[in-house]
Amino acid sequence: MTDTPPDRLSATPGSPYYNEELLARGVGIKFNGTEKTNVEEYCVSEGWVRLAAGNARDRKGNPMTIKLKGVVVPYFKEPEPS
């Protein structure tokens, strides 16, 4: 595996940008200099993130999201020492 996260990644299994191996490794997102923990999808080249909007769900049970534009910096989280 590489040390740089992909340009686009989604946490939704039905998405073509979903990658279970990378998500299991742990990906963190800094958006406009702030750590975000509720990111559902991001795209670095287009400069946007989709964030979960509280506990709201759509009719299929997926989280409702909002799309924000800005500077997106993904990184791999360091594994916890055993």
C-alpha atoms as a PDB file:
ATOM      1  CA  MET A   1       0.000   0.000   0.000  1.00  0.00           C
ATOM      2  CA  THR A   2       1.101   3.568  -0.611  1.00  0.00           C
ATOM      3  CA  ASP A   3       1.518   6.243   2.036  1.00  0.00           C
ATOM      4  CA  THR A   4      -0.770   8.715   0.270  1.00  0.00           C
ATOM      5  CA  PRO A   5      -4.561   8.367   0.408  1.00  0.00           C
ATOM      6  CA  PRO A   6      -6.497   8.333  -2.884  1.00  0.00           C
ATOM      7  CA  ASP A   7      -7.841  11.492  -4.505  1.00  0.00           C
ATOM      8  CA  ARG A   8     -11.417  10.413  -3.793  1.00  0.00           C
ATOM      9  CA  LEU A   9     -12.784   8.014  -1.176  1.00  0.00           C
ATOM     10  CA  SER A  10     -16.253   7.152   0.110  1.00  0.00           C
ATOM     11  CA  ALA A  11     -17.438   5.403   3.269  1.00  0.00           C
ATOM     12  CA  THR A  12     -20.658   4.219   1.572  1.00  0.00           C
ATOM     13  CA  PRO A  13     -20.417   0.575   0.389  1.00  0.00           C
ATOM     14  CA  GLY A  14     -22.565   1.192  -2.718  1.00  0.00           C
ATOM     15  CA  SER A  15     -20.253   3.904  -4.048  1.00  0.00           C
ATOM     16  CA  PRO A  16     -17.685   3.193  -6.796  1.00  0.00           C
ATOM     17  CA  TYR A  17     -15.121   5.078  -4.646  1.00  0.00           C
ATOM     18  CA  TYR A  18     -15.560   2.754  -1.645  1.00  0.00           C
ATOM     19  CA  ASN A  19     -12.401   0.888  -0.578  1.00  0.00           C
ATOM     20  CA  GLU A  20     -12.715  -1.299   2.510  1.00  0.00           C
ATOM     21  CA  GLU A  21      -8.957  -1.908   2.871  1.00  0.00           C
ATOM     22  CA  LEU A  22      -8.154   1.798   3.046  1.00  0.00           C
ATOM     23  CA  LEU A  23     -10.996   2.516   5.460  1.00  0.00           C
ATOM     24  CA  ALA A  24      -9.824  -0.318   7.722  1.00  0.00           C
ATOM     25  CA  ARG A  25      -6.337   1.214   7.727  1.00  0.00           C
ATOM     26  CA  GLY A  26      -7.820   4.486   8.998  1.00  0.00           C
ATOM     27  CA  VAL A  27      -8.104   7.706   7.020  1.00  0.00           C
ATOM     28  CA  GLY A  28      -8.283  11.104   8.697  1.00  0.00           C
ATOM     29  CA  ILE A  29      -9.452  14.317   7.031  1.00  0.00           C
ATOM     30  CA  LYS A  30      -8.431  17.896   7.659  1.00  0.00           C
ATOM     31  CA  PHE A  31     -10.896  20.291   6.035  1.00  0.00           C
ATOM     32  CA  ASN A  32      -9.888  23.969   5.944  1.00  0.00           C
ATOM     33  CA  GLY A  33      -7.370  23.224   8.716  1.00  0.00           C
ATOM     34  CA  THR A  34      -9.911  21.556  11.041  1.00  0.00           C
ATOM     35  CA  GLU A  35     -10.053  17.838  11.867  1.00  0.00           C
ATOM     36  CA  LYS A  36     -13.373  16.338  10.700  1.00  0.00           C
ATOM     37  CA  THR A  37     -14.671  13.015  12.018  1.00  0.00           C
ATOM     38  CA  ASN A  38     -18.060  12.830  10.250  1.00  0.00           C
ATOM     39  CA  VAL A  39     -16.849  12.736   6.628  1.00  0.00           C
ATOM     40  CA  GLU A  40     -18.811  10.364   4.385  1.00  0.00           C
ATOM     41  CA  GLU A  41     -16.903  11.131   1.153  1.00  0.00           C
ATOM     42  CA  TYR A  42     -14.170  13.473  -0.037  1.00  0.00           C
ATOM     43  CA  CYS A  43     -12.456  14.597  -3.244  1.00  0.00           C
ATOM     44  CA  VAL A  44      -9.105  16.392  -3.052  1.00  0.00           C
ATOM     45  CA  SER A  45      -8.853  17.495  -6.704  1.00  0.00           C
ATOM     46  CA  GLU A  46     -12.333  19.062  -6.699  1.00  0.00           C
ATOM     47  CA  GLY A  47     -11.947  20.404  -3.135  1.00  0.00           C
ATOM     48  CA  TRP A  48     -15.073  19.145  -1.360  1.00  0.00           C
ATOM     49  CA  VAL A  49     -16.256  16.861   1.434  1.00  0.00           C
ATOM     50  CA  ARG A  50     -19.633  15.334   2.224  1.00  0.00           C
ATOM     51  CA  LEU A  51     -20.411  15.479   5.937  1.00  0.00           C
ATOM     52  CA  ALA A  52     -23.133  13.628   7.808  1.00  0.00           C
ATOM     53  CA  ALA A  53     -25.854  16.076   8.851  1.00  0.00           C
ATOM     54  CA  GLY A  54     -26.563  15.016  12.433  1.00  0.00           C
ATOM     55  CA  ASN A  55     -28.662  11.891  12.925  1.00  0.00           C
ATOM     56  CA  ALA A  56     -30.971  12.555   9.950  1.00  0.00           C
ATOM     57  CA  ARG A  57     -31.538   9.635   7.566  1.00  0.00           C
ATOM     58  CA  ASP A  58     -32.998   9.417   4.080  1.00  0.00           C
ATOM     59  CA  ARG A  59     -35.778   6.983   3.157  1.00  0.00           C
ATOM     60  CA  LYS A  60     -33.227   4.226   2.422  1.00  0.00           C
ATOM     61  CA  GLY A  61     -31.602   4.582   5.859  1.00  0.00           C
ATOM     62  CA  ASN A  62     -28.447   6.334   4.655  1.00  0.00           C
ATOM     63  CA  PRO A  63     -27.185   9.415   6.501  1.00  0.00           C
ATOM     64  CA  MET A  64     -28.235  12.782   5.075  1.00  0.00           C
ATOM     65  CA  THR A  65     -25.163  14.695   3.931  1.00  0.00           C
ATOM     66  CA  ILE A  66     -24.124  18.220   3.100  1.00  0.00           C
ATOM     67  CA  LYS A  67     -21.413  19.097   0.595  1.00  0.00           C
ATOM     68  CA  LEU A  68     -18.860  21.734   1.609  1.00  0.00           C
ATOM     69  CA  LYS A  69     -16.103  23.169  -0.577  1.00  0.00           C
ATOM     70  CA  GLY A  70     -12.649  24.051   0.690  1.00  0.00           C
ATOM     71  CA  VAL A  71      -9.142  22.669   1.212  1.00  0.00           C
ATOM     72  CA  VAL A  72      -9.172  18.888   1.791  1.00  0.00           C
ATOM     73  CA  VAL A  73      -6.110  17.122   3.252  1.00  0.00           C
ATOM     74  CA  PRO A  74      -6.500  13.349   3.769  1.00  0.00           C
ATOM     75  CA  TYR A  75      -3.945  11.326   5.726  1.00  0.00           C
ATOM     76  CA  PHE A  76      -3.541   7.828   7.096  1.00  0.00           C
ATOM     77  CA  LYS A  77      -3.934   7.552  10.851  1.00  0.00           C
ATOM     78  CA  GLU A  78      -1.031   6.001  12.687  1.00  0.00           C
ATOM     79  CA  PRO A  79      -1.732   2.481  14.002  1.00  0.00           C
ATOM     80  CA  GLU A  80      -2.084   2.275  17.768  1.00  0.00           C
ATOM     81  CA  PRO A  81       0.915   0.603  19.439  1.00  0.00           C
ATOM     82  CA  SER A  82       0.128  -2.897  20.673  1.00  0.00           C
END
